[in-house]
């Protein structure tokens, strides 16, 4: 039996096989979970195609985390496949190009607000939309990139990730009494589509290659995915509001 045997898990953000979310979905199935994927708009066919590469079939439902109608419809869409949810994987983030790549001082609020809504507020929005489906013992697990310091070119996405990390702590505070856990994995840089879309992201990659205590593989999403799987399992029953680093140990060193 796997550590997620019988659990029903919603996984967001599956767009390519290189993504952490895809590795999470694959490992979750291998560990005994039933999964449902979410996507939106023009991305739906892409996610449906990628889902065929998982070990077992997985339904794909529509969920735009910035769309009130989609959020309201989430419980009904999930219930077409599962009676409840035991876990949610938050693996979505976005910032306009004007909010990245060294544009910090010139980025307008309109673009900043998009980054914050999609990359931070969506954790609360999705969690509360799915709240009727969650029960004691459920786990919300998300992905962040160390927001305790500034990084070159990350700019307003770094600010959004700081808000994301804070949002996870407040969700942990308010949902803890219901037995719902909320935790994050802080992964090192990976050559995923999300990373490649950030102008100058190679600067951060170089830091890890040279300075992380353990060898950091830029093309290997599985270590971060395994961290998510562990948080979704029952092996962290009293852990919430936590950020676990899966970054080769770089967070523990002087940058």
Foldseek 3Di string as FASTA:
>chain_A
DALCAAFEEEQEDDQDCLDLSVLLQQVNVVRHYAYAYEDADPSVVRNCVSQVVHPDHHHYYYADLVDPVRLLCVVVRCVVPDQAHQEYEAEWFDFPLCQFQPNQVPDDVVRLVRRQSTLAVSLVSNCVSRVVRYAANGEYEYEAADLPDDDHGCGSNSVSRVNNLVNQLVCCVVCVVRNYAGEYEHEQAAPDPVQVVGPPSVVSVVCLCPPQQAHDDRRDSNQSSVVRVCRRGCPPSPDHSYYHYPYSRNVVDDD
